[in-house]
Protein backbone atom coordinates (compact mmCIF):
# COMPACT_ATOMS: atom_id res chain seq x y z
CA MET A 1 113.32 -22.01 -12.36
CA THR A 2 111.20 -20.94 -9.51
CA GLN A 3 109.13 -17.87 -10.30
CA LEU A 4 109.14 -15.32 -7.56
CA PRO A 5 105.92 -13.59 -6.56
CA MET A 6 105.41 -10.07 -7.67
CA VAL A 7 106.00 -7.36 -5.19
CA GLY A 8 102.78 -5.77 -3.92
CA ALA A 9 100.47 -8.62 -5.11
CA MET A 10 97.85 -9.80 -2.62
CA LYS A 11 96.65 -13.36 -2.12
CA PRO A 12 92.89 -13.77 -2.89
CA GLU A 13 90.72 -14.37 0.14
CA GLU A 14 88.91 -17.70 0.40
CA PRO A 15 85.18 -17.61 1.33
CA ASP A 16 84.43 -18.22 4.94
CA ILE A 17 81.12 -20.00 5.40
CA PHE A 18 81.17 -19.48 9.16
CA LYS A 19 81.33 -15.76 8.91
CA PRO A 20 78.12 -14.14 10.36
CA PRO A 21 75.93 -12.40 7.77
CA VAL A 22 75.82 -8.65 7.58
CA PHE A 23 72.29 -7.13 7.70
CA LYS A 24 71.57 -3.99 5.78
CA PRO A 25 69.34 -1.23 7.20
CA ARG A 26 66.55 -2.06 4.71
CA SER A 27 66.42 -5.68 5.90
CA VAL A 28 66.22 -4.57 9.50
CA GLN A 29 63.22 -2.38 8.71
CA LEU A 30 61.43 -5.23 6.97
CA LEU A 31 62.01 -7.58 9.90
CA LEU A 32 60.79 -5.02 12.40
CA GLY A 33 57.68 -4.39 10.32
CA LEU A 34 56.95 -8.11 10.07
CA PHE A 35 57.43 -8.54 13.81
CA GLY A 36 55.08 -5.63 14.52
CA SER A 37 52.41 -7.10 12.20
CA ILE A 38 52.66 -10.47 13.97
CA CYS A 39 52.26 -8.78 17.36
CA CYS A 40 49.20 -6.82 16.19
CA GLY A 41 47.64 -10.00 14.78
CA LEU A 42 48.21 -11.89 18.02
CA ARG A 43 46.72 -9.03 19.99
CA HIS A 44 43.62 -9.00 17.76
CA LEU A 45 43.19 -12.76 18.12
CA GLN A 46 43.46 -12.34 21.87
CA LYS A 47 40.56 -9.83 21.85
CA LEU A 48 38.39 -12.21 19.85
CA GLY A 49 39.07 -15.08 22.23
CA PHE A 50 40.78 -17.10 19.50
CA TRP A 51 43.42 -18.65 21.77
CA ALA A 52 40.83 -19.50 24.42
CA LYS A 53 38.76 -21.22 21.73
CA ILE A 54 41.77 -23.28 20.70
CA CYS A 55 42.42 -24.19 24.33
CA GLN A 56 38.88 -25.53 24.63
CA ASN A 57 39.03 -27.61 21.45
CA CYS A 58 42.61 -29.00 21.68
CA HIS A 59 43.38 -32.18 23.63
CA TYR A 60 47.06 -31.40 24.10
CA ARG A 61 47.65 -27.80 25.14
CA PRO A 62 50.19 -27.59 27.96
CA HIS A 63 51.90 -24.56 26.41
CA LEU A 64 48.66 -22.82 25.38
CA THR A 65 47.07 -22.99 28.82
CA LYS A 66 49.97 -21.01 30.25
CA LEU A 67 49.34 -18.06 27.92
CA PRO A 68 48.13 -14.97 29.85
CA LEU A 69 45.09 -14.51 27.57
CA LYS A 70 41.67 -13.52 28.81
CA PHE A 71 38.68 -15.55 27.61
CA VAL A 72 36.02 -13.53 25.79
CA ASP A 73 32.55 -14.91 25.36
CA MET A 74 31.85 -14.24 21.67
CA LYS A 75 28.18 -15.12 21.96
CA ALA A 76 27.57 -12.65 24.77
CA GLU A 77 29.42 -9.93 22.89
CA PHE A 78 27.28 -10.58 19.78
CA LYS A 79 24.09 -10.30 21.80
CA SER A 80 25.16 -7.08 23.51
CA LYS A 81 25.83 -5.32 20.20
CA LYS A 82 24.04 -6.20 16.95
CA THR A 83 25.00 -5.00 13.53
CA VAL A 84 22.37 -3.70 11.10
CA GLY A 85 23.72 -3.01 7.64
CA ARG A 86 27.15 -1.42 7.82
CA GLY A 87 28.74 -0.75 11.16
CA ASP A 88 27.55 -1.46 14.66
CA VAL A 89 24.11 0.07 15.18
CA GLU A 90 21.70 -0.51 18.01
CA ALA A 91 18.76 -2.57 16.77
CA SER A 92 16.19 -0.59 18.77
CA ALA A 93 17.00 2.58 16.83
CA HIS A 94 15.53 1.23 13.58
CA PHE A 95 12.38 -0.60 14.68
CA LYS A 96 9.13 0.30 16.41
CA GLU A 97 7.60 -1.38 19.39
CA PRO A 98 6.00 -4.79 18.70
CA LEU A 99 2.53 -4.53 17.17
CA SER A 100 -0.45 -5.90 19.05
CA LEU A 101 -2.73 -8.56 17.63
CA VAL A 102 -5.48 -6.00 17.04
CA GLU A 103 -3.11 -3.74 15.10
CA MET A 104 -1.88 -6.68 13.02
CA GLU A 105 -5.46 -7.68 12.22
CA ASN A 106 -6.40 -4.13 11.21
CA LEU A 107 -3.36 -3.82 8.94
CA SER A 108 -4.01 -7.16 7.25
CA CYS A 109 -7.63 -6.26 6.37
CA GLN A 110 -8.56 -4.51 3.15
CA SER A 111 -9.15 -0.79 3.62
CA PHE A 112 -11.15 1.72 1.59
CA ALA A 113 -11.57 5.47 1.44
CA GLN A 114 -13.80 7.05 4.07
CA ASN A 115 -16.51 7.85 1.53
CA THR A 116 -16.51 4.23 0.35
CA GLU A 117 -16.63 3.01 3.95
CA ASN A 118 -19.73 5.13 4.56
CA LYS A 119 -21.43 3.68 1.47
CA ILE A 120 -20.55 0.14 2.57
CA MET A 121 -22.04 0.66 6.03
CA TRP A 122 -25.15 2.25 4.50
CA ALA A 123 -25.71 -0.74 2.18
CA VAL A 124 -25.09 -3.24 4.98
CA GLU A 125 -27.49 -1.45 7.32
CA LEU A 126 -30.08 -1.29 4.53
CA TYR A 127 -29.85 -5.05 4.00
CA ARG A 128 -29.92 -5.69 7.75
CA SER A 129 -33.13 -3.69 8.24
CA TRP A 130 -34.77 -5.42 5.27
CA TRP A 131 -33.73 -8.84 6.60
CA ARG A 132 -35.23 -8.15 10.05
CA GLN A 133 -38.56 -7.10 8.58
CA ARG A 134 -38.56 -10.05 6.17
CA VAL A 135 -37.80 -12.62 8.87
CA ALA A 136 -40.58 -11.24 11.06
CA LYS A 137 -43.16 -12.27 8.45
CA PRO A 138 -44.71 -15.75 8.93
CA ASP A 139 -44.23 -16.88 5.35
CA CYS A 140 -40.51 -16.07 5.20
CA ASP A 141 -38.38 -18.51 3.22
CA SER A 142 -35.84 -20.50 5.20
CA ARG A 143 -33.06 -19.48 2.81
CA ILE A 144 -33.60 -15.85 3.80
CA ILE A 145 -33.69 -16.75 7.50
CA TRP A 146 -30.24 -18.32 7.23
CA ALA A 147 -28.84 -15.36 5.23
CA SER A 148 -28.08 -12.97 8.07
CA ILE A 149 -25.36 -10.49 7.15
CA ASP A 150 -24.03 -10.60 10.70
CA ASN A 151 -23.03 -14.27 10.19
CA LEU A 152 -21.78 -14.20 6.61
CA LYS A 153 -19.12 -16.83 7.22
CA GLN A 154 -21.82 -19.38 8.11
CA VAL A 155 -24.09 -18.45 5.18
CA SER A 156 -23.90 -20.66 2.12
CA LYS A 157 -23.59 -19.19 -1.37
CA GLY A 158 -27.02 -20.49 -2.38
CA ASN A 159 -28.80 -18.88 0.55
CA LEU A 160 -26.92 -15.61 0.11
CA CYS A 161 -27.73 -15.50 -3.61
CA PHE A 162 -31.43 -16.08 -2.97
CA ALA A 163 -31.60 -13.49 -0.19
CA LEU A 164 -29.78 -10.81 -2.20
CA SER A 165 -32.01 -11.42 -5.21
CA ALA A 166 -35.10 -10.92 -3.07
CA PHE A 167 -33.52 -7.90 -1.40
CA ILE A 168 -32.81 -5.88 -4.56
CA GLY A 169 -36.30 -6.71 -5.83
CA GLU A 170 -38.08 -5.53 -2.67
CA VAL A 171 -35.97 -2.68 -1.32
CA LYS A 172 -37.38 0.85 -1.61
CA LYS A 173 -36.57 4.34 -0.41
CA GLN A 174 -38.07 5.77 2.74
CA ASP A 175 -40.60 7.66 0.64
CA LEU A 176 -41.65 4.30 -0.93
CA THR A 177 -40.20 5.20 -4.35
CA GLU A 178 -38.05 2.83 -6.35
CA TYR A 179 -34.26 2.97 -6.34
CA PRO A 180 -32.62 3.57 -9.74
CA GLY A 181 -30.88 0.61 -11.33
CA SER A 182 -27.46 2.21 -10.86
CA THR A 183 -28.10 2.54 -7.12
CA LEU A 184 -29.00 -1.15 -6.85
CA TYR A 185 -25.77 -2.01 -8.65
CA GLN A 186 -23.83 0.16 -6.18
CA ILE A 187 -25.54 -1.62 -3.27
CA ILE A 188 -24.40 -5.02 -4.55
CA LEU A 189 -20.86 -3.67 -4.99
CA CYS A 190 -20.84 -2.37 -1.42
CA ILE A 191 -21.96 -5.76 -0.10
CA GLN A 192 -19.17 -7.31 -2.19
CA PHE A 193 -16.66 -4.98 -0.49
CA PHE A 194 -18.11 -5.95 2.89
CA CYS A 195 -17.52 -9.61 2.05
CA ASP A 196 -13.93 -8.82 1.07
CA LYS A 197 -13.31 -7.01 4.35
CA ASN A 198 -14.54 -10.04 6.30
CA GLY A 199 -12.26 -12.44 4.45
CA LEU A 200 -14.93 -14.10 2.30
CA LYS A 201 -13.99 -15.26 -1.19
CA HIS A 202 -17.46 -14.68 -2.63
CA LYS A 203 -17.55 -12.94 -6.01
CA LEU A 204 -21.14 -11.77 -6.36
CA LEU A 205 -20.67 -10.64 -9.96
CA ASP A 206 -18.37 -13.45 -11.16
CA ASP A 207 -19.04 -16.75 -9.38
CA GLU A 208 -21.32 -19.28 -11.03
CA ALA A 209 -23.20 -19.72 -7.75
CA PHE A 210 -24.45 -16.11 -8.04
CA VAL A 211 -25.71 -16.28 -11.64
CA PRO A 212 -29.38 -15.91 -10.53
CA LEU A 213 -28.42 -12.75 -8.65
CA ARG A 214 -26.80 -11.24 -11.75
CA PHE A 215 -29.84 -12.10 -13.91
CA THR A 216 -32.18 -10.54 -11.35
CA LEU A 217 -30.06 -7.40 -11.16
CA ASP A 218 -29.91 -7.05 -14.96
CA ASN A 219 -33.65 -7.48 -15.37
CA ILE A 220 -34.48 -4.98 -12.63
CA MET A 221 -32.03 -2.42 -14.06
CA LYS A 222 -33.58 -2.76 -17.53
CA GLU A 223 -37.07 -2.44 -16.08
CA ARG A 224 -36.17 0.70 -14.12
CA SER A 225 -34.48 2.19 -17.17
CA ARG A 226 -37.56 1.62 -19.35
CA ALA A 227 -39.70 3.24 -16.67
CA GLY A 228 -37.44 6.30 -16.68
CA ILE A 229 -36.46 5.87 -13.02
CA GLY A 230 -33.11 7.49 -12.28
CA GLU A 231 -32.77 9.33 -15.59
CA LYS A 232 -31.42 12.84 -15.39
CA LYS A 233 -33.72 15.50 -16.74
CA SER A 234 -32.15 17.53 -19.50
CA SER A 235 -33.17 21.08 -20.39
CA ASP A 236 -35.33 21.62 -23.46
CA VAL A 237 -33.67 22.92 -26.61
CA ILE A 238 -34.44 26.52 -27.56
CA THR A 239 -35.52 26.53 -31.18
CA MET A 240 -35.19 29.39 -33.66
CA THR A 241 -38.91 30.09 -33.29
CA ASP A 242 -38.51 30.50 -29.53
CA GLU A 243 -35.56 32.85 -30.00
CA GLU A 244 -37.44 35.06 -32.50
CA SER A 245 -40.38 35.18 -30.11
CA MET A 246 -38.11 36.37 -27.28
CA TRP A 247 -36.69 39.11 -29.52
CA ALA A 248 -40.20 40.18 -30.54
CA LYS A 249 -41.54 40.26 -26.94
CA GLY A 250 -38.56 42.26 -25.68
CA VAL A 251 -37.14 39.48 -23.52
CA LEU A 252 -33.94 39.88 -25.51
CA GLY A 253 -32.70 43.29 -26.58
CA ASP A 254 -31.20 46.49 -25.20
CA SER A 255 -34.21 48.27 -23.77
CA SER A 256 -32.85 48.18 -20.20
CA PRO A 257 -29.63 47.15 -18.42
CA GLU A 258 -31.30 43.99 -17.12
CA VAL A 259 -32.53 42.97 -20.59
CA LEU A 260 -29.12 43.73 -22.06
CA ARG A 261 -27.48 41.58 -19.39
CA ASP A 262 -29.84 38.67 -20.08
CA THR A 263 -29.26 39.03 -23.82
CA LEU A 264 -25.50 39.00 -23.34
CA MET A 265 -25.72 35.90 -21.14
CA TYR A 266 -27.89 34.13 -23.69
CA LEU A 267 -25.67 34.90 -26.66
CA LEU A 268 -22.47 33.99 -24.83
CA GLY A 269 -24.06 30.79 -23.59
CA ILE A 270 -24.96 29.73 -27.11
CA ASN A 271 -21.78 30.77 -28.87
CA LEU A 272 -19.25 29.88 -26.14
CA ALA A 273 -21.06 26.77 -24.84
CA LEU A 274 -21.36 28.00 -21.24
CA ARG A 275 -23.86 25.33 -20.33
CA GLY A 276 -22.63 24.45 -16.87
CA GLY A 277 -24.06 26.17 -13.84
CA LYS A 278 -20.63 26.83 -12.37
CA ASN A 279 -19.40 28.41 -15.59
CA ILE A 280 -22.41 30.76 -15.76
CA GLU A 281 -22.05 31.66 -12.10
CA HIS A 282 -18.37 32.44 -12.64
CA PHE A 283 -19.23 34.56 -15.67
CA VAL A 284 -21.87 36.51 -13.75
CA HIS A 285 -19.35 37.18 -10.99
CA LEU A 286 -16.84 38.37 -13.59
CA VAL A 287 -19.36 40.72 -15.23
CA SER A 288 -20.44 42.13 -11.88
CA SER A 289 -16.83 42.77 -10.90
CA LEU A 290 -16.14 44.61 -14.16
CA SER A 291 -19.23 46.75 -13.79
């Protein structure tokens, strides 16, 4: 028997592959966003001259040459604006004007404090005056003649060692008294600093070539020390006998305001160790202000 179809039943639809797809609103937004990103990228490449660069390097570019893109010289743009650190900053805002050769030479030389510079020039002038008087004598040694301090770069180490040894042994003050050993040592140090400023590698107190100079300096310093030249005079110690004598003669006591002041100064100086002149002067000023 033939079965009749049910009333109200619908025949299922077959898929149609030729039916155009239906786009949802979300898909449209994604496509528009992608298209906008592509346009922005192409515009940025146009500003950088990317397409013009491709046109120069490609052999076959009939479709690229027709693009309405303006060529940008990247090298000229880089020269017109330089970047220093982060961001585009003008290079002239961070650097000074070019230094001159004299300024470069002064900066590359070793510098000292002004007080040290004065000592160096004093020692150099002292040696220069000694050298002129020594050369003027008929029996002057040739090693001293060739040891001019104005031409140190041409002076050999042997000649300089001999001349400096003779110099520290013959130099005197203007009143014809001897220099202390410490002053002679300071003179040699100042001449060493002068050599350093002029780019010489001489080490007057370290090099083997200047061993005779060091021996001469040591012997002269010991000789001056034994002779008591340059020693600081220290005050004599007040013994108990001297103190009792001052009490007995009335130098110390309370007979008058002046004697009482001197007694107070003496006792405070002994018990509080006010031995420096500045400390005593400050104490006197304090006492006078209180009185």
